Amino acid sequence: MNGKKLLWITLGCLQLGVILFFGYRLFEEYKELEYRESKKAALEHEKEDLHQKIEQRRDFLDRLGRDTEFQDAVVRRQLGYAKEGEAVFHFQPIQQD
């Protein structure tokens, strides 16, 4: 009887150890999952911001390519050309035949 009781206690302790070990591993994996989900949400937000920046720059380049008044305004603003009151001349590109 004493040997059987010792066997059951040993098996119970072993099972408890296994449960504790896997419970701890499960808890650690859950924390890792939460971290990765929060990182994913942050990256999704950053991705949306980058898509907005891309759209803004695409619109800017498109407008810069077709709107001469906008080109003049950009040149004045970014490069400091043409002060107020000065005339801005537009030259047509020379076409070579």
C-alpha atoms as a PDB file:
ATOM      1  CA  MET A   1       0.000   0.000   0.000  1.00  0.00           C
ATOM      2  CA  ASN A   2       2.801   2.365   0.864  1.00  0.00           C
ATOM      3  CA  GLY A   3       4.461   1.760  -2.530  1.00  0.00           C
ATOM      4  CA  LYS A   4       1.196   2.416  -4.372  1.00  0.00           C
ATOM      5  CA  LYS A   5       0.618   5.615  -2.426  1.00  0.00           C
ATOM      6  CA  LEU A   6       4.159   6.784  -3.187  1.00  0.00           C
ATOM      7  CA  LEU A   7       3.622   5.987  -6.880  1.00  0.00           C
ATOM      8  CA  TRP A   8       0.394   8.025  -6.964  1.00  0.00           C
ATOM      9  CA  ILE A   9       2.056  10.950  -5.188  1.00  0.00           C
ATOM     10  CA  THR A  10       4.974  10.814  -7.603  1.00  0.00           C
ATOM     11  CA  LEU A  11       2.644  10.698 -10.609  1.00  0.00           C
ATOM     12  CA  GLY A  12       0.567  13.549  -9.179  1.00  0.00           C
ATOM     13  CA  CYS A  13       3.670  15.697  -8.617  1.00  0.00           C
ATOM     14  CA  LEU A  14       4.885  14.879 -12.108  1.00  0.00           C
ATOM     15  CA  GLN A  15       1.535  15.856 -13.611  1.00  0.00           C
ATOM     16  CA  LEU A  16       1.481  19.046 -11.565  1.00  0.00           C
ATOM     17  CA  GLY A  17       4.987  19.883 -12.790  1.00  0.00           C
ATOM     18  CA  VAL A  18       3.995  19.258 -16.395  1.00  0.00           C
ATOM     19  CA  ILE A  19       0.865  21.397 -15.981  1.00  0.00           C
ATOM     20  CA  LEU A  20       2.862  24.210 -14.407  1.00  0.00           C
ATOM     21  CA  PHE A  21       5.525  24.037 -17.107  1.00  0.00           C
ATOM     22  CA  PHE A  22       3.047  24.123 -19.987  1.00  0.00           C
ATOM     23  CA  GLY A  23       0.918  26.715 -18.206  1.00  0.00           C
ATOM     24  CA  TYR A  24       3.933  28.984 -17.915  1.00  0.00           C
ATOM     25  CA  ARG A  25       4.805  28.397 -21.586  1.00  0.00           C
ATOM     26  CA  LEU A  26       1.210  29.170 -22.573  1.00  0.00           C
ATOM     27  CA  PHE A  27       1.299  32.398 -20.561  1.00  0.00           C
ATOM     28  CA  GLU A  28       4.576  33.436 -22.235  1.00  0.00           C
ATOM     29  CA  GLU A  29       3.176  32.650 -25.680  1.00  0.00           C
ATOM     30  CA  TYR A  30       0.057  34.686 -24.892  1.00  0.00           C
ATOM     31  CA  LYS A  31       2.218  37.663 -23.908  1.00  0.00           C
ATOM     32  CA  GLU A  32       4.175  37.268 -27.145  1.00  0.00           C
ATOM     33  CA  LEU A  33       0.924  37.149 -29.118  1.00  0.00           C
ATOM     34  CA  GLU A  34      -0.301  40.356 -27.482  1.00  0.00           C
ATOM     35  CA  TYR A  35       3.007  42.062 -28.252  1.00  0.00           C
ATOM     36  CA  ARG A  36       2.893  40.980 -31.887  1.00  0.00           C
ATOM     37  CA  GLU A  37      -0.729  42.090 -32.275  1.00  0.00           C
ATOM     38  CA  SER A  38       0.071  45.532 -30.871  1.00  0.00           C
ATOM     39  CA  LYS A  39       3.128  45.723 -33.150  1.00  0.00           C
ATOM     40  CA  LYS A  40       0.933  44.731 -36.092  1.00  0.00           C
ATOM     41  CA  ALA A  41      -1.564  47.477 -35.253  1.00  0.00           C
ATOM     42  CA  ALA A  42       1.246  50.036 -35.051  1.00  0.00           C
ATOM     43  CA  LEU A  43       2.641  48.878 -38.387  1.00  0.00           C
ATOM     44  CA  GLU A  44      -0.810  49.030 -39.988  1.00  0.00           C
ATOM     45  CA  HIS A  45      -1.158  52.605 -38.756  1.00  0.00           C
ATOM     46  CA  GLU A  46       2.289  53.471 -40.118  1.00  0.00           C
ATOM     47  CA  LYS A  47       1.378  51.798 -43.421  1.00  0.00           C
ATOM     48  CA  GLU A  48      -1.737  53.969 -43.720  1.00  0.00           C
ATOM     49  CA  ASP A  49       0.321  57.092 -42.996  1.00  0.00           C
ATOM     50  CA  LEU A  50       2.817  56.108 -45.676  1.00  0.00           C
ATOM     51  CA  HIS A  51       0.022  55.469 -48.181  1.00  0.00           C
ATOM     52  CA  GLN A  52      -1.324  58.955 -47.479  1.00  0.00           C
ATOM     53  CA  LYS A  53       2.130  60.465 -47.991  1.00  0.00           C
ATOM     54  CA  ILE A  54       2.524  58.566 -51.246  1.00  0.00           C
ATOM     55  CA  GLU A  55      -0.842  59.850 -52.469  1.00  0.00           C
ATOM     56  CA  GLN A  56       0.039  63.415 -51.485  1.00  0.00           C
ATOM     57  CA  ARG A  57       3.366  63.225 -53.302  1.00  0.00           C
ATOM     58  CA  ARG A  58       1.763  61.585 -56.322  1.00  0.00           C
ATOM     59  CA  ASP A  59      -0.811  64.387 -56.472  1.00  0.00           C
ATOM     60  CA  PHE A  60       1.948  66.968 -56.014  1.00  0.00           C
ATOM     61  CA  LEU A  61       4.025  65.507 -58.862  1.00  0.00           C
ATOM     62  CA  ASP A  62       0.988  65.167 -61.110  1.00  0.00           C
ATOM     63  CA  ARG A  63      -0.010  68.770 -60.496  1.00  0.00           C
ATOM     64  CA  LEU A  64       3.592  69.891 -60.903  1.00  0.00           C
ATOM     65  CA  GLY A  65       3.728  68.211 -64.296  1.00  0.00           C
ATOM     66  CA  ARG A  66       0.604  69.812 -65.735  1.00  0.00           C
ATOM     67  CA  ASP A  67      -0.026  73.138 -63.945  1.00  0.00           C
ATOM     68  CA  THR A  68       2.435  75.900 -64.864  1.00  0.00           C
ATOM     69  CA  GLU A  69       1.118  78.324 -62.252  1.00  0.00           C
ATOM     70  CA  PHE A  70       1.690  75.687 -59.601  1.00  0.00           C
ATOM     71  CA  GLN A  71       5.206  75.143 -60.955  1.00  0.00           C
ATOM     72  CA  ASP A  72       5.919  78.848 -60.593  1.00  0.00           C
ATOM     73  CA  ALA A  73       4.570  78.887 -57.056  1.00  0.00           C
ATOM     74  CA  VAL A  74       6.712  75.884 -56.110  1.00  0.00           C
ATOM     75  CA  VAL A  75       9.824  77.429 -57.620  1.00  0.00           C
ATOM     76  CA  ARG A  76       9.188  80.680 -55.786  1.00  0.00           C
ATOM     77  CA  ARG A  77       8.500  78.944 -52.513  1.00  0.00           C
ATOM     78  CA  GLN A  78      11.209  76.286 -52.547  1.00  0.00           C
ATOM     79  CA  LEU A  79      14.009  77.937 -54.482  1.00  0.00           C
ATOM     80  CA  GLY A  80      13.368  81.562 -53.620  1.00  0.00           C
ATOM     81  CA  TYR A  81      13.101  82.797 -57.212  1.00  0.00           C
ATOM     82  CA  ALA A  82      10.942  85.703 -58.411  1.00  0.00           C
ATOM     83  CA  LYS A  83      10.152  88.262 -55.793  1.00  0.00           C
ATOM     84  CA  GLU A  84       6.757  89.906 -55.545  1.00  0.00           C
ATOM     85  CA  GLY A  85       6.080  92.322 -58.340  1.00  0.00           C
ATOM     86  CA  GLU A  86       8.457  90.635 -60.745  1.00  0.00           C
ATOM     87  CA  ALA A  87       7.215  89.176 -63.993  1.00  0.00           C
ATOM     88  CA  VAL A  88       7.514  85.453 -64.613  1.00  0.00           C
ATOM     89  CA  PHE A  89       8.120  84.391 -68.207  1.00  0.00           C
ATOM     90  CA  HIS A  90       7.131  81.019 -69.590  1.00  0.00           C
ATOM     91  CA  PHE A  91       9.180  79.634 -72.449  1.00  0.00           C
ATOM     92  CA  GLN A  92       7.897  76.921 -74.680  1.00  0.00           C
ATOM     93  CA  PRO A  93      10.284  74.013 -75.190  1.00  0.00           C
ATOM     94  CA  ILE A  94      12.055  73.986 -78.551  1.00  0.00           C
ATOM     95  CA  GLN A  95      10.817  71.211 -80.763  1.00  0.00           C
ATOM     96  CA  GLN A  96      13.436  69.583 -82.933  1.00  0.00           C
ATOM     97  CA  ASP A  97      12.349  68.010 -86.197  1.00  0.00           C
END
